[in-house]
Amino acid sequence: MKVTKVTKVYRPMRKFGNLIKDLFMPKQSNHFWIRVKEIAKTKEEKEDQIFSIIELLNNRIDVDEIQE
């Protein structure tokens, strides 16, 4: 594949377009976004945040178990 300046700009824009589609059309997307605090005041608060994120992921992600 020939690398030009156009492809260097085009590929990040494609990823940005996928991000925008995921945010504004969540029903059509296979991805989802969560918002997480970046700073915790105590270790307990940090552990609570991690636990709640893991719980959200466990509830949200479906596993396709195909029996053969």
PDB file of N, CA and C in Angstrom:
ATOM      1  N   MET A   1       0.846  -1.185   0.000  1.00  0.00           N
ATOM      2  CA  MET A   1       0.000   0.000   0.000  1.00  0.00           C
ATOM      3  C   MET A   1       0.882   1.235   0.000  1.00  0.00           C
ATOM      4  N   LYS A   2       0.571   2.143  -0.853  1.00  0.00           N
ATOM      5  CA  LYS A   2       1.334   3.375  -0.963  1.00  0.00           C
ATOM      6  C   LYS A   2       0.916   4.334   0.143  1.00  0.00           C
ATOM      7  N   VAL A   3       1.894   4.827   0.884  1.00  0.00           N
ATOM      8  CA  VAL A   3       1.609   5.745   1.990  1.00  0.00           C
ATOM      9  C   VAL A   3       1.764   7.173   1.494  1.00  0.00           C
ATOM     10  N   THR A   4       0.705   7.928   1.638  1.00  0.00           N
ATOM     11  CA  THR A   4       0.750   9.340   1.274  1.00  0.00           C
ATOM     12  C   THR A   4       0.263  10.160   2.457  1.00  0.00           C
ATOM     13  N   LYS A   5       0.347  11.432   2.323  1.00  0.00           N
ATOM     14  CA  LYS A   5      -0.145  12.314   3.389  1.00  0.00           C
ATOM     15  C   LYS A   5      -1.651  12.167   3.578  1.00  0.00           C
ATOM     16  N   VAL A   6      -2.362  11.841   2.519  1.00  0.00           N
ATOM     17  CA  VAL A   6      -3.816  11.708   2.602  1.00  0.00           C
ATOM     18  C   VAL A   6      -4.195  10.522   3.491  1.00  0.00           C
ATOM     19  N   THR A   7      -3.507   9.380   3.352  1.00  0.00           N
ATOM     20  CA  THR A   7      -3.851   8.211   4.168  1.00  0.00           C
ATOM     21  C   THR A   7      -3.512   8.439   5.623  1.00  0.00           C
ATOM     22  N   LYS A   8      -2.485   9.207   5.897  1.00  0.00           N
ATOM     23  CA  LYS A   8      -2.129   9.483   7.286  1.00  0.00           C
ATOM     24  C   LYS A   8      -3.213  10.302   7.979  1.00  0.00           C
ATOM     25  N   VAL A   9      -3.884  11.165   7.249  1.00  0.00           N
ATOM     26  CA  VAL A   9      -4.966  11.959   7.809  1.00  0.00           C
ATOM     27  C   VAL A   9      -6.269  11.165   7.794  1.00  0.00           C
ATOM     28  N   TYR A  10      -6.466  10.334   6.779  1.00  0.00           N
ATOM     29  CA  TYR A  10      -7.730   9.634   6.579  1.00  0.00           C
ATOM     30  C   TYR A  10      -7.986   8.599   7.671  1.00  0.00           C
ATOM     31  N   ARG A  11      -6.989   7.821   8.057  1.00  0.00           N
ATOM     32  CA  ARG A  11      -7.222   6.744   9.013  1.00  0.00           C
ATOM     33  C   ARG A  11      -7.603   7.242  10.403  1.00  0.00           C
ATOM     34  N   PRO A  12      -6.942   8.243  10.966  1.00  0.00           N
ATOM     35  CA  PRO A  12      -7.432   8.744  12.263  1.00  0.00           C
ATOM     36  C   PRO A  12      -8.836   9.322  12.176  1.00  0.00           C
ATOM     37  N   MET A  13      -9.190   9.912  11.046  1.00  0.00           N
ATOM     38  CA  MET A  13     -10.536  10.449  10.898  1.00  0.00           C
ATOM     39  C   MET A  13     -11.563   9.321  10.858  1.00  0.00           C
ATOM     40  N   ARG A  14     -11.187   8.159  10.304  1.00  0.00           N
ATOM     41  CA  ARG A  14     -12.098   7.019  10.295  1.00  0.00           C
ATOM     42  C   ARG A  14     -12.345   6.559  11.733  1.00  0.00           C
ATOM     43  N   LYS A  15     -11.301   6.499  12.549  1.00  0.00           N
ATOM     44  CA  LYS A  15     -11.459   6.098  13.945  1.00  0.00           C
ATOM     45  C   LYS A  15     -12.296   7.125  14.708  1.00  0.00           C
ATOM     46  N   PHE A  16     -12.102   8.390  14.407  1.00  0.00           N
ATOM     47  CA  PHE A  16     -12.894   9.435  15.046  1.00  0.00           C
ATOM     48  C   PHE A  16     -14.362   9.316  14.636  1.00  0.00           C
ATOM     49  N   GLY A  17     -14.613   8.990  13.382  1.00  0.00           N
ATOM     50  CA  GLY A  17     -15.982   8.795  12.915  1.00  0.00           C
ATOM     51  C   GLY A  17     -16.648   7.622  13.617  1.00  0.00           C
ATOM     52  N   ASN A  18     -15.894   6.537  13.857  1.00  0.00           N
ATOM     53  CA  ASN A  18     -16.442   5.395  14.588  1.00  0.00           C
ATOM     54  C   ASN A  18     -16.777   5.792  16.024  1.00  0.00           C
ATOM     55  N   LEU A  19     -15.949   6.599  16.639  1.00  0.00           N
ATOM     56  CA  LEU A  19     -16.221   7.080  17.989  1.00  0.00           C
ATOM     57  C   LEU A  19     -17.498   7.900  18.031  1.00  0.00           C
ATOM     58  N   ILE A  20     -17.664   8.791  17.079  1.00  0.00           N
ATOM     59  CA  ILE A  20     -18.871   9.622  17.011  1.00  0.00           C
ATOM     60  C   ILE A  20     -20.108   8.755  16.800  1.00  0.00           C
ATOM     61  N   LYS A  21     -20.013   7.747  15.924  1.00  0.00           N
ATOM     62  CA  LYS A  21     -21.157   6.852  15.702  1.00  0.00           C
ATOM     63  C   LYS A  21     -21.497   6.092  16.977  1.00  0.00           C
ATOM     64  N   ASP A  22     -20.488   5.633  17.722  1.00  0.00           N
ATOM     65  CA  ASP A  22     -20.741   4.909  18.964  1.00  0.00           C
ATOM     66  C   ASP A  22     -21.431   5.798  19.993  1.00  0.00           C
ATOM     67  N   LEU A  23     -21.061   7.070  20.027  1.00  0.00           N
ATOM     68  CA  LEU A  23     -21.642   7.976  21.010  1.00  0.00           C
ATOM     69  C   LEU A  23     -23.065   8.393  20.664  1.00  0.00           C
ATOM     70  N   PHE A  24     -23.317   8.689  19.386  1.00  0.00           N
ATOM     71  CA  PHE A  24     -24.605   9.248  19.007  1.00  0.00           C
ATOM     72  C   PHE A  24     -25.616   8.217  18.513  1.00  0.00           C
ATOM     73  N   MET A  25     -25.158   7.009  18.156  1.00  0.00           N
ATOM     74  CA  MET A  25     -26.068   5.943  17.730  1.00  0.00           C
ATOM     75  C   MET A  25     -25.741   4.662  18.500  1.00  0.00           C
ATOM     76  N   PRO A  26     -25.987   4.639  19.807  1.00  0.00           N
ATOM     77  CA  PRO A  26     -25.562   3.485  20.614  1.00  0.00           C
ATOM     78  C   PRO A  26     -26.316   2.201  20.298  1.00  0.00           C
ATOM     79  N   LYS A  27     -27.537   2.284  19.779  1.00  0.00           N
ATOM     80  CA  LYS A  27     -28.303   1.068  19.471  1.00  0.00           C
ATOM     81  C   LYS A  27     -27.707   0.315  18.287  1.00  0.00           C
ATOM     82  N   GLN A  28     -27.066   1.023  17.361  1.00  0.00           N
ATOM     83  CA  GLN A  28     -26.481   0.402  16.174  1.00  0.00           C
ATOM     84  C   GLN A  28     -25.041  -0.035  16.407  1.00  0.00           C
ATOM     85  N   SER A  29     -24.470   0.293  17.548  1.00  0.00           N
ATOM     86  CA  SER A  29     -23.063   0.042  17.806  1.00  0.00           C
ATOM     87  C   SER A  29     -22.854  -1.234  18.619  1.00  0.00           C
ATOM     88  N   ASN A  30     -21.684  -1.820  18.482  1.00  0.00           N
ATOM     89  CA  ASN A  30     -21.285  -2.965  19.294  1.00  0.00           C
ATOM     90  C   ASN A  30     -20.435  -2.540  20.484  1.00  0.00           C
ATOM     91  N   HIS A  31     -20.241  -1.268  20.651  1.00  0.00           N
ATOM     92  CA  HIS A  31     -19.396  -0.732  21.707  1.00  0.00           C
ATOM     93  C   HIS A  31     -20.212   0.189  22.606  1.00  0.00           C
ATOM     94  N   PHE A  32     -19.710   0.442  23.817  1.00  0.00           N
ATOM     95  CA  PHE A  32     -20.348   1.429  24.683  1.00  0.00           C
ATOM     96  C   PHE A  32     -19.272   2.172  25.447  1.00  0.00           C
ATOM     97  N   TRP A  33     -19.643   3.317  25.959  1.00  0.00           N
ATOM     98  CA  TRP A  33     -18.700   4.183  26.652  1.00  0.00           C
ATOM     99  C   TRP A  33     -19.188   4.422  28.065  1.00  0.00           C
ATOM    100  N   ILE A  34     -18.245   4.461  29.000  1.00  0.00           N
ATOM    101  CA  ILE A  34     -18.578   4.810  30.375  1.00  0.00           C
ATOM    102  C   ILE A  34     -17.704   5.986  30.790  1.00  0.00           C
ATOM    103  N   ARG A  35     -18.205   6.738  31.749  1.00  0.00           N
ATOM    104  CA  ARG A  35     -17.467   7.890  32.244  1.00  0.00           C
ATOM    105  C   ARG A  35     -17.017   7.565  33.666  1.00  0.00           C
ATOM    106  N   VAL A  36     -15.723   7.737  33.933  1.00  0.00           N
ATOM    107  CA  VAL A  36     -15.128   7.331  35.198  1.00  0.00           C
ATOM    108  C   VAL A  36     -14.361   8.507  35.793  1.00  0.00           C
ATOM    109  N   LYS A  37     -14.483   8.659  37.112  1.00  0.00           N
ATOM    110  CA  LYS A  37     -13.689   9.686  37.783  1.00  0.00           C
ATOM    111  C   LYS A  37     -12.210   9.326  37.690  1.00  0.00           C
ATOM    112  N   GLU A  38     -11.390  10.316  37.485  1.00  0.00           N
ATOM    113  CA  GLU A  38      -9.961  10.080  37.338  1.00  0.00           C
ATOM    114  C   GLU A  38      -9.237  10.145  38.681  1.00  0.00           C
ATOM    115  N   ILE A  39      -9.791  10.851  39.640  1.00  0.00           N
ATOM    116  CA  ILE A  39      -9.128  11.044  40.924  1.00  0.00           C
ATOM    117  C   ILE A  39     -10.035  10.537  42.041  1.00  0.00           C
ATOM    118  N   ALA A  40      -9.457   9.742  42.938  1.00  0.00           N
ATOM    119  CA  ALA A  40     -10.177   9.274  44.120  1.00  0.00           C
ATOM    120  C   ALA A  40      -9.473   9.839  45.352  1.00  0.00           C
ATOM    121  N   LYS A  41     -10.238  10.180  46.371  1.00  0.00           N
ATOM    122  CA  LYS A  41      -9.653  10.794  47.560  1.00  0.00           C
ATOM    123  C   LYS A  41      -9.030   9.765  48.493  1.00  0.00           C
ATOM    124  N   THR A  42      -9.628   8.569  48.548  1.00  0.00           N
ATOM    125  CA  THR A  42      -9.096   7.527  49.427  1.00  0.00           C
ATOM    126  C   THR A  42      -8.976   6.216  48.658  1.00  0.00           C
ATOM    127  N   LYS A  43      -8.250   5.261  49.246  1.00  0.00           N
ATOM    128  CA  LYS A  43      -8.120   3.954  48.611  1.00  0.00           C
ATOM    129  C   LYS A  43      -9.461   3.227  48.572  1.00  0.00           C
ATOM    130  N   GLU A  44     -10.281   3.429  49.591  1.00  0.00           N
ATOM    131  CA  GLU A  44     -11.590   2.786  49.622  1.00  0.00           C
ATOM    132  C   GLU A  44     -12.469   3.293  48.477  1.00  0.00           C
ATOM    133  N   GLU A  45     -12.419   4.599  48.234  1.00  0.00           N
ATOM    134  CA  GLU A  45     -13.187   5.173  47.137  1.00  0.00           C
ATOM    135  C   GLU A  45     -12.693   4.622  45.798  1.00  0.00           C
ATOM    136  N   LYS A  46     -11.385   4.472  45.656  1.00  0.00           N
ATOM    137  CA  LYS A  46     -10.809   3.908  44.441  1.00  0.00           C
ATOM    138  C   LYS A  46     -11.271   2.467  44.243  1.00  0.00           C
ATOM    139  N   GLU A  47     -11.246   1.677  45.308  1.00  0.00           N
ATOM    140  CA  GLU A  47     -11.680   0.285  45.215  1.00  0.00           C
ATOM    141  C   GLU A  47     -13.174   0.192  44.908  1.00  0.00           C
ATOM    142  N   ASP A  48     -13.979   1.103  45.465  1.00  0.00           N
ATOM    143  CA  ASP A  48     -15.410   1.133  45.169  1.00  0.00           C
ATOM    144  C   ASP A  48     -15.665   1.439  43.698  1.00  0.00           C
ATOM    145  N   GLN A  49     -14.886   2.396  43.153  1.00  0.00           N
ATOM    146  CA  GLN A  49     -15.021   2.735  41.743  1.00  0.00           C
ATOM    147  C   GLN A  49     -14.649   1.544  40.864  1.00  0.00           C
ATOM    148  N   ILE A  50     -13.553   0.883  41.184  1.00  0.00           N
ATOM    149  CA  ILE A  50     -13.127  -0.277  40.395  1.00  0.00           C
ATOM    150  C   ILE A  50     -14.172  -1.371  40.460  1.00  0.00           C
ATOM    151  N   PHE A  51     -14.714  -1.637  41.649  1.00  0.00           N
ATOM    152  CA  PHE A  51     -15.731  -2.666  41.791  1.00  0.00           C
ATOM    153  C   PHE A  51     -16.987  -2.326  40.995  1.00  0.00           C
ATOM    154  N   SER A  52     -17.407  -1.059  41.029  1.00  0.00           N
ATOM    155  CA  SER A  52     -18.610  -0.671  40.293  1.00  0.00           C
ATOM    156  C   SER A  52     -18.392  -0.761  38.784  1.00  0.00           C
ATOM    157  N   ILE A  53     -17.187  -0.452  38.321  1.00  0.00           N
ATOM    158  CA  ILE A  53     -16.879  -0.572  36.890  1.00  0.00           C
ATOM    159  C   ILE A  53     -16.903  -2.035  36.464  1.00  0.00           C
ATOM    160  N   ILE A  54     -16.308  -2.905  37.270  1.00  0.00           N
ATOM    161  CA  ILE A  54     -16.298  -4.333  36.953  1.00  0.00           C
ATOM    162  C   ILE A  54     -17.721  -4.883  36.952  1.00  0.00           C
ATOM    163  N   GLU A  55     -18.530  -4.455  37.909  1.00  0.00           N
ATOM    164  CA  GLU A  55     -19.922  -4.903  37.969  1.00  0.00           C
ATOM    165  C   GLU A  55     -20.705  -4.434  36.745  1.00  0.00           C
ATOM    166  N   LEU A  56     -20.486  -3.180  36.332  1.00  0.00           N
ATOM    167  CA  LEU A  56     -21.144  -2.656  35.138  1.00  0.00           C
ATOM    168  C   LEU A  56     -20.746  -3.462  33.909  1.00  0.00           C
ATOM    169  N   LEU A  57     -19.461  -3.761  33.777  1.00  0.00           N
ATOM    170  CA  LEU A  57     -18.993  -4.528  32.631  1.00  0.00           C
ATOM    171  C   LEU A  57     -19.567  -5.942  32.635  1.00  0.00           C
ATOM    172  N   ASN A  58     -19.616  -6.569  33.798  1.00  0.00           N
ATOM    173  CA  ASN A  58     -20.185  -7.915  33.885  1.00  0.00           C
ATOM    174  C   ASN A  58     -21.663  -7.926  33.504  1.00  0.00           C
ATOM    175  N   ASN A  59     -22.397  -6.885  33.876  1.00  0.00           N
ATOM    176  CA  ASN A  59     -23.817  -6.814  33.543  1.00  0.00           C
ATOM    177  C   ASN A  59     -24.055  -6.449  32.083  1.00  0.00           C
ATOM    178  N   ARG A  60     -23.163  -5.672  31.514  1.00  0.00           N
ATOM    179  CA  ARG A  60     -23.388  -5.110  30.177  1.00  0.00           C
ATOM    180  C   ARG A  60     -22.911  -6.030  29.047  1.00  0.00           C
ATOM    181  N   ILE A  61     -21.821  -6.767  29.265  1.00  0.00           N
ATOM    182  CA  ILE A  61     -21.232  -7.577  28.205  1.00  0.00           C
ATOM    183  C   ILE A  61     -21.915  -8.931  28.160  1.00  0.00           C
ATOM    184  N   ASP A  62     -22.412  -9.286  26.977  1.00  0.00           N
ATOM    185  CA  ASP A  62     -23.045 -10.582  26.762  1.00  0.00           C
ATOM    186  C   ASP A  62     -22.035 -11.532  26.135  1.00  0.00           C
ATOM    187  N   VAL A  63     -22.102 -12.794  26.535  1.00  0.00           N
ATOM    188  CA  VAL A  63     -21.228 -13.816  25.976  1.00  0.00           C
ATOM    189  C   VAL A  63     -22.051 -14.690  25.049  1.00  0.00           C
ATOM    190  N   ASP A  64     -21.597 -14.840  23.829  1.00  0.00           N
ATOM    191  CA  ASP A  64     -22.253 -15.704  22.850  1.00  0.00           C
ATOM    192  C   ASP A  64     -21.661 -17.094  22.973  1.00  0.00           C
ATOM    193  N   GLU A  65     -22.359 -17.985  23.645  1.00  0.00           N
ATOM    194  CA  GLU A  65     -21.871 -19.347  23.815  1.00  0.00           C
ATOM    195  C   GLU A  65     -22.543 -20.227  22.774  1.00  0.00           C
ATOM    196  N   ILE A  66     -21.804 -20.562  21.749  1.00  0.00           N
ATOM    197  CA  ILE A  66     -22.338 -21.407  20.690  1.00  0.00           C
ATOM    198  C   ILE A  66     -21.927 -22.835  20.972  1.00  0.00           C
ATOM    199  N   GLN A  67     -22.914 -23.713  21.116  1.00  0.00           N
ATOM    200  CA  GLN A  67     -22.659 -25.132  21.376  1.00  0.00           C
ATOM    201  C   GLN A  67     -22.517 -25.859  20.048  1.00  0.00           C
ATOM    202  N   GLU A  68     -21.444 -26.601  19.891  1.00  0.00           N
ATOM    203  CA  GLU A  68     -21.255 -27.362  18.649  1.00  0.00           C
ATOM    204  C   GLU A  68     -21.453 -28.828  18.889  1.00  0.00           C
TER     205      GLU A  68
END
